[in-house]
Structure formats: structure tokens, C-alpha cells
N, C-alpha and C. Protein backbone atom coordinates (compact mmCIF):
# COMPACT_ATOMS: atom_id res chain seq x y z
N MET A 1 105.73 117.85 120.31
CA MET A 1 105.23 116.99 119.26
C MET A 1 103.85 116.48 119.64
N LYS A 2 103.00 116.24 118.64
CA LYS A 2 101.66 115.72 118.89
C LYS A 2 101.75 114.33 119.51
N GLN A 3 100.72 113.99 120.26
CA GLN A 3 100.62 112.62 120.74
C GLN A 3 100.32 111.73 119.55
N LEU A 4 100.92 110.58 119.51
CA LEU A 4 100.84 109.73 118.34
C LEU A 4 100.04 108.46 118.59
N SER A 5 99.03 108.51 119.42
CA SER A 5 98.30 107.29 119.78
C SER A 5 97.69 106.60 118.56
N SER A 6 97.34 107.34 117.52
CA SER A 6 96.76 106.72 116.33
C SER A 6 97.76 106.59 115.19
N ALA A 7 99.01 106.94 115.44
CA ALA A 7 100.05 106.90 114.41
C ALA A 7 100.56 105.48 114.20
N PRO A 8 101.23 105.24 113.07
CA PRO A 8 101.86 103.93 112.86
C PRO A 8 102.84 103.60 113.99
N LYS A 9 103.00 102.32 114.24
CA LYS A 9 103.82 101.82 115.36
C LYS A 9 105.23 102.42 115.37
N ARG A 10 105.84 102.57 114.21
CA ARG A 10 107.21 103.09 114.15
C ARG A 10 107.30 104.51 114.69
N LEU A 11 106.32 105.33 114.38
CA LEU A 11 106.33 106.70 114.89
C LEU A 11 106.07 106.74 116.40
N ARG A 12 105.18 105.90 116.87
CA ARG A 12 104.92 105.85 118.31
C ARG A 12 106.18 105.43 119.06
N TRP A 13 106.89 104.44 118.52
CA TRP A 13 108.13 104.00 119.16
C TRP A 13 109.14 105.14 119.20
N ALA A 14 109.30 105.85 118.09
CA ALA A 14 110.26 106.96 118.05
C ALA A 14 109.90 108.01 119.09
N GLN A 15 108.62 108.29 119.29
CA GLN A 15 108.22 109.27 120.29
C GLN A 15 108.50 108.74 121.70
N ASN A 16 108.25 107.48 121.93
CA ASN A 16 108.41 106.90 123.27
C ASN A 16 109.85 106.83 123.75
N ILE A 17 110.82 106.82 122.85
CA ILE A 17 112.20 106.76 123.33
C ILE A 17 112.66 108.10 123.89
N GLY A 18 111.90 109.16 123.62
CA GLY A 18 112.14 110.44 124.28
C GLY A 18 113.36 111.21 123.84
N VAL A 19 113.84 111.01 122.64
CA VAL A 19 115.02 111.74 122.19
C VAL A 19 114.75 112.60 120.95
N LEU A 20 113.49 112.79 120.62
CA LEU A 20 113.16 113.55 119.41
C LEU A 20 113.29 115.04 119.66
N PRO A 21 114.06 115.73 118.83
CA PRO A 21 114.13 117.18 118.97
C PRO A 21 112.85 117.84 118.47
N ASP A 22 112.57 119.03 118.98
CA ASP A 22 111.42 119.79 118.49
C ASP A 22 111.72 120.33 117.10
N GLY A 23 110.69 120.63 116.36
CA GLY A 23 110.86 121.23 115.05
C GLY A 23 110.31 120.37 113.94
N PRO A 24 110.35 120.89 112.73
CA PRO A 24 109.76 120.16 111.59
C PRO A 24 110.58 118.95 111.18
N TRP A 25 109.87 117.98 110.63
CA TRP A 25 110.47 116.75 110.14
C TRP A 25 110.39 116.74 108.62
N LEU A 26 111.25 115.93 108.01
CA LEU A 26 111.16 115.64 106.59
C LEU A 26 110.94 114.15 106.44
N ASP A 27 109.87 113.79 105.74
CA ASP A 27 109.57 112.39 105.46
C ASP A 27 110.10 112.06 104.06
N VAL A 28 111.19 111.29 104.00
CA VAL A 28 111.80 110.91 102.73
C VAL A 28 111.06 109.70 102.18
N CYS A 29 110.70 109.74 100.92
CA CYS A 29 109.84 108.72 100.29
C CYS A 29 108.49 108.70 101.01
N ALA A 30 107.88 109.84 101.07
CA ALA A 30 106.65 110.03 101.85
C ALA A 30 105.46 109.25 101.32
N GLY A 31 105.50 108.83 100.07
CA GLY A 31 104.37 108.09 99.51
C GLY A 31 103.08 108.87 99.65
N PRO A 32 102.02 108.23 100.17
CA PRO A 32 100.73 108.93 100.31
C PRO A 32 100.62 109.76 101.58
N GLY A 33 101.69 109.88 102.36
CA GLY A 33 101.67 110.72 103.55
C GLY A 33 101.22 110.03 104.82
N GLU A 34 101.31 108.70 104.86
CA GLU A 34 100.88 107.93 106.02
C GLU A 34 101.56 108.39 107.31
N TYR A 35 102.85 108.67 107.25
CA TYR A 35 103.59 109.13 108.43
C TYR A 35 103.52 110.65 108.56
N LEU A 36 103.57 111.33 107.45
CA LEU A 36 103.65 112.79 107.44
C LEU A 36 102.49 113.43 108.20
N LYS A 37 101.30 112.88 108.09
CA LYS A 37 100.15 113.49 108.75
C LYS A 37 100.25 113.47 110.27
N HIS A 38 101.16 112.69 110.82
CA HIS A 38 101.35 112.61 112.27
C HIS A 38 102.57 113.40 112.75
N MET A 39 103.29 114.01 111.84
CA MET A 39 104.52 114.73 112.19
C MET A 39 104.20 116.16 112.62
N PRO A 40 105.14 116.83 113.30
CA PRO A 40 104.88 118.18 113.81
C PRO A 40 104.56 119.19 112.71
N GLU A 41 103.94 120.28 113.11
CA GLU A 41 103.62 121.36 112.18
C GLU A 41 104.90 121.83 111.48
N GLY A 42 104.78 122.16 110.21
CA GLY A 42 105.93 122.61 109.44
C GLY A 42 106.67 121.48 108.76
N SER A 43 106.27 120.23 109.02
CA SER A 43 106.92 119.08 108.39
C SER A 43 106.49 118.99 106.93
N MET A 44 107.31 118.31 106.15
CA MET A 44 106.98 118.09 104.74
C MET A 44 107.53 116.76 104.28
N GLY A 45 107.09 116.33 103.12
CA GLY A 45 107.57 115.09 102.55
C GLY A 45 108.21 115.33 101.20
N ILE A 46 109.06 114.41 100.80
CA ILE A 46 109.61 114.39 99.45
C ILE A 46 109.43 112.99 98.89
N ASP A 47 109.17 112.93 97.60
CA ASP A 47 108.91 111.65 96.97
C ASP A 47 109.08 111.84 95.46
N LEU A 48 109.17 110.75 94.74
CA LEU A 48 109.24 110.85 93.28
C LEU A 48 107.96 111.41 92.69
N ARG A 49 106.84 111.18 93.40
CA ARG A 49 105.54 111.71 92.95
C ARG A 49 105.06 112.74 93.96
N PRO A 50 104.99 114.00 93.58
CA PRO A 50 104.55 115.03 94.52
C PRO A 50 103.04 114.96 94.77
N ILE A 51 102.64 115.38 95.96
CA ILE A 51 101.23 115.55 96.31
C ILE A 51 101.14 116.91 97.01
N PRO A 52 101.03 117.99 96.24
CA PRO A 52 101.09 119.34 96.82
C PRO A 52 100.12 119.58 97.96
N GLU A 53 98.92 119.03 97.88
CA GLU A 53 97.93 119.27 98.93
C GLU A 53 98.31 118.63 100.26
N LEU A 54 99.27 117.69 100.25
CA LEU A 54 99.77 117.07 101.48
C LEU A 54 101.16 117.59 101.85
N ASN A 55 101.64 118.59 101.13
CA ASN A 55 102.97 119.16 101.34
C ASN A 55 104.07 118.13 101.06
N ILE A 56 103.84 117.33 100.02
CA ILE A 56 104.83 116.36 99.56
C ILE A 56 105.36 116.86 98.22
N HIS A 57 106.66 117.11 98.18
CA HIS A 57 107.29 117.73 97.02
C HIS A 57 108.09 116.70 96.24
N GLU A 58 108.26 116.98 94.95
CA GLU A 58 109.02 116.07 94.09
C GLU A 58 110.51 116.22 94.35
N TRP A 59 111.20 115.08 94.42
CA TRP A 59 112.64 115.07 94.55
C TRP A 59 113.18 113.79 93.97
N ASN A 60 114.12 113.90 93.08
CA ASN A 60 114.85 112.76 92.55
C ASN A 60 115.97 112.47 93.53
N PHE A 61 116.03 111.30 94.07
CA PHE A 61 116.93 111.00 95.17
C PHE A 61 118.41 111.01 94.79
N ASP A 62 118.71 111.15 93.51
CA ASP A 62 120.08 111.34 93.09
C ASP A 62 120.43 112.82 92.96
N ALA A 63 119.43 113.68 93.09
CA ALA A 63 119.64 115.13 92.92
C ALA A 63 120.20 115.75 94.20
N GLN A 64 120.80 116.91 94.04
CA GLN A 64 121.29 117.66 95.20
C GLN A 64 120.11 118.22 95.99
N ILE A 65 120.36 118.55 97.24
CA ILE A 65 119.33 119.13 98.11
C ILE A 65 119.14 120.60 97.74
N PRO A 66 117.91 121.04 97.50
CA PRO A 66 117.68 122.46 97.22
C PRO A 66 118.14 123.33 98.40
N LEU A 67 118.74 124.46 98.11
CA LEU A 67 119.27 125.33 99.16
C LEU A 67 118.21 125.71 100.19
N GLY A 68 116.98 125.89 99.76
CA GLY A 68 115.91 126.28 100.68
C GLY A 68 115.55 125.22 101.72
N LEU A 69 116.00 124.00 101.52
CA LEU A 69 115.70 122.91 102.46
C LEU A 69 116.88 122.59 103.37
N GLN A 70 118.05 123.09 103.07
CA GLN A 70 119.23 122.74 103.85
C GLN A 70 119.13 123.31 105.27
N GLU A 71 119.51 122.46 106.24
CA GLU A 71 119.54 122.80 107.67
C GLU A 71 118.17 123.26 108.18
N LYS A 72 117.11 122.68 107.65
CA LYS A 72 115.75 123.11 108.00
C LYS A 72 115.05 122.14 108.94
N PHE A 73 115.44 120.88 108.97
CA PHE A 73 114.65 119.84 109.65
C PHE A 73 115.36 119.30 110.88
N SER A 74 114.59 119.11 111.93
CA SER A 74 115.15 118.52 113.15
C SER A 74 115.22 117.00 113.04
N VAL A 75 114.35 116.42 112.21
CA VAL A 75 114.35 114.97 112.01
C VAL A 75 114.17 114.68 110.52
N VAL A 76 114.98 113.78 110.00
CA VAL A 76 114.76 113.23 108.66
C VAL A 76 114.32 111.79 108.87
N TRP A 77 113.11 111.50 108.44
CA TRP A 77 112.48 110.19 108.63
C TRP A 77 112.57 109.40 107.33
N CYS A 78 113.16 108.21 107.38
CA CYS A 78 113.28 107.34 106.21
C CYS A 78 112.71 105.98 106.58
N SER A 79 111.54 105.68 106.08
CA SER A 79 110.94 104.38 106.36
C SER A 79 110.95 103.56 105.08
N ASN A 80 111.65 102.44 105.13
CA ASN A 80 111.79 101.55 103.98
C ASN A 80 112.35 102.28 102.77
N VAL A 81 113.47 102.96 102.98
CA VAL A 81 114.11 103.74 101.92
C VAL A 81 115.46 103.14 101.54
N PHE A 82 116.33 102.89 102.50
CA PHE A 82 117.72 102.57 102.21
C PHE A 82 117.90 101.28 101.43
N GLU A 83 116.99 100.35 101.56
CA GLU A 83 117.15 99.11 100.81
C GLU A 83 116.93 99.32 99.31
N HIS A 84 116.46 100.52 98.92
CA HIS A 84 116.25 100.84 97.51
C HIS A 84 117.32 101.78 96.95
N VAL A 85 118.24 102.22 97.78
CA VAL A 85 119.25 103.19 97.36
C VAL A 85 120.48 102.44 96.86
N MET A 86 120.88 102.73 95.61
CA MET A 86 122.00 102.02 95.00
C MET A 86 123.34 102.38 95.65
N ASP A 87 123.52 103.64 96.03
CA ASP A 87 124.78 104.09 96.61
C ASP A 87 124.45 104.87 97.89
N PRO A 88 124.33 104.21 99.03
CA PRO A 88 123.83 104.86 100.25
C PRO A 88 124.73 105.95 100.83
N HIS A 89 126.03 105.87 100.66
CA HIS A 89 126.90 106.88 101.29
C HIS A 89 126.64 108.28 100.75
N PRO A 90 126.65 108.52 99.43
CA PRO A 90 126.32 109.87 98.95
C PRO A 90 124.89 110.29 99.32
N PHE A 91 123.99 109.31 99.34
CA PHE A 91 122.60 109.60 99.73
C PHE A 91 122.54 110.12 101.17
N LEU A 92 123.25 109.45 102.07
CA LEU A 92 123.30 109.90 103.46
C LEU A 92 123.93 111.27 103.60
N LEU A 93 124.96 111.54 102.83
CA LEU A 93 125.59 112.86 102.88
C LEU A 93 124.63 113.95 102.42
N ARG A 94 123.80 113.64 101.41
CA ARG A 94 122.78 114.62 100.98
C ARG A 94 121.74 114.82 102.08
N LEU A 95 121.32 113.74 102.72
CA LEU A 95 120.32 113.87 103.79
C LEU A 95 120.86 114.66 104.97
N LYS A 96 122.14 114.51 105.25
CA LYS A 96 122.75 115.24 106.36
C LYS A 96 122.60 116.75 106.18
N LYS A 97 122.63 117.23 104.96
CA LYS A 97 122.49 118.66 104.68
C LYS A 97 121.11 119.19 105.08
N LEU A 98 120.14 118.31 105.19
CA LEU A 98 118.78 118.71 105.55
C LEU A 98 118.62 118.99 107.04
N LEU A 99 119.48 118.39 107.85
CA LEU A 99 119.34 118.45 109.30
C LEU A 99 119.84 119.77 109.87
N THR A 100 119.15 120.23 110.92
CA THR A 100 119.62 121.40 111.63
C THR A 100 120.97 121.06 112.26
N PRO A 101 121.87 122.02 112.32
CA PRO A 101 123.20 121.73 112.87
C PRO A 101 123.13 121.26 114.32
N MET A 102 123.95 120.29 114.66
CA MET A 102 124.16 119.78 116.01
C MET A 102 123.03 118.92 116.56
N MET A 103 121.77 119.24 116.34
CA MET A 103 120.69 118.54 117.02
C MET A 103 119.84 117.69 116.09
N GLY A 104 120.13 117.65 114.80
CA GLY A 104 119.30 116.89 113.88
C GLY A 104 119.43 115.39 114.09
N SER A 105 118.36 114.66 113.74
CA SER A 105 118.33 113.21 113.90
C SER A 105 117.87 112.57 112.61
N LEU A 106 118.47 111.44 112.29
CA LEU A 106 118.05 110.66 111.14
C LEU A 106 117.48 109.35 111.65
N PHE A 107 116.22 109.09 111.29
CA PHE A 107 115.57 107.85 111.68
C PHE A 107 115.37 107.03 110.41
N SER A 108 115.74 105.78 110.48
CA SER A 108 115.59 104.90 109.32
C SER A 108 115.01 103.58 109.77
N HIS A 109 114.05 103.09 109.02
CA HIS A 109 113.50 101.77 109.28
C HIS A 109 113.61 100.97 107.99
N ALA A 110 114.19 99.81 108.09
CA ALA A 110 114.29 98.92 106.93
C ALA A 110 114.12 97.49 107.42
N LEU A 111 113.26 96.81 106.76
CA LEU A 111 112.98 95.43 107.13
C LEU A 111 112.63 95.35 108.62
N LYS A 112 113.37 94.57 109.42
CA LYS A 112 113.03 94.45 110.84
C LYS A 112 114.03 95.14 111.74
N HIS A 113 114.83 96.03 111.20
CA HIS A 113 115.80 96.74 112.02
C HIS A 113 115.52 98.23 111.98
N PHE A 114 115.59 98.85 113.10
CA PHE A 114 115.33 100.28 113.23
C PHE A 114 116.62 100.93 113.68
N LEU A 115 117.23 101.71 112.82
CA LEU A 115 118.51 102.34 113.13
C LEU A 115 118.27 103.80 113.44
N ILE A 116 118.82 104.27 114.52
CA ILE A 116 118.70 105.66 114.91
C ILE A 116 120.10 106.22 115.05
N ASN A 117 120.35 107.32 114.42
CA ASN A 117 121.64 107.98 114.54
C ASN A 117 121.38 109.37 115.09
N ILE A 118 121.73 109.59 116.34
CA ILE A 118 121.48 110.86 116.99
C ILE A 118 122.80 111.39 117.51
N CYS A 119 123.27 112.46 116.90
CA CYS A 119 124.52 113.09 117.34
C CYS A 119 125.64 112.07 117.55
N GLY A 120 125.77 111.14 116.62
CA GLY A 120 126.87 110.20 116.69
C GLY A 120 126.58 108.92 117.44
N MET A 121 125.46 108.82 118.15
CA MET A 121 125.12 107.58 118.87
C MET A 121 124.23 106.74 117.96
N ALA A 122 124.43 105.46 117.95
CA ALA A 122 123.60 104.59 117.11
C ALA A 122 122.97 103.52 118.00
N HIS A 123 121.72 103.24 117.74
CA HIS A 123 120.98 102.21 118.46
C HIS A 123 120.25 101.37 117.41
N THR A 124 120.14 100.09 117.64
CA THR A 124 119.40 99.24 116.73
C THR A 124 118.33 98.50 117.51
N MET A 125 117.14 98.49 116.94
CA MET A 125 116.04 97.77 117.56
C MET A 125 115.50 96.79 116.54
N ALA A 126 115.47 95.51 116.87
CA ALA A 126 115.07 94.48 115.91
C ALA A 126 113.69 93.92 116.23
N THR A 127 112.92 94.57 117.05
CA THR A 127 111.62 94.02 117.42
C THR A 127 110.47 94.70 116.71
N MET A 128 110.73 95.60 115.78
CA MET A 128 109.65 96.32 115.11
C MET A 128 109.03 95.45 114.03
């Protein structure tokens, strides 16, 4: 993964904990691509508003995951997403389909808590 010295604090923290798998990431609710531009090659974003030149594609968060994206990403990055999701359990099940089998990681940041779920282990950091 690229060095993230100029990346947002949340991405630098994720890199520093040393548990990130290699491979492309998916930035959920990518917005203008603030995080995406610091992610590994092959990464992409999804958002309600696509920005093709930044590799951010349109996705309605209630829709099913397109077959071409399933099991493609080593990390699914969700920054300030879950507090906007009306029914988080089905949403998480859809996101799980995006992760590569066995080694995928879901990173979520909401408010002042950073939840990491890596192969069944969960850690919370409240200092972000």
C-alpha cells in the first residue's frame, strides 16, 4: 500500500495498525474521492452520485451488489456511512459480498468511534 503521510488521519491510522490486506479497496459513499485517491491501485468508490473520472460508480445502497464486484475487494471502507443506513444488518450483508473470501476487512468510522472487523475480531478506537 502507498505511504499515506498526506492522507486523512483515519486512513493513516488504518495503515499504522498493520493489519491491512493487500489488494484493491472499495470506498462506500466515496463522495468527492477524498479517501479514494490515497487507496491502492485498482480501488474504486461507490456513491449515489457517480464521478467516472475518479472511478466512483453509482450505487443505490438498497440495491444488490453487482456480480462483477462480488469478492473483489480486500477492504471495504465506510467513513460516516452507517449512521445514515436505515436497516444496517442487510446493508452489512450486502457489503460482505464485496470482500475477498477469508481475508477481507471492513473498516467503518462513525462519529468518534472507529470499528474494525477483521476475520471476526473487533476493535474499537474512540480517540479519532
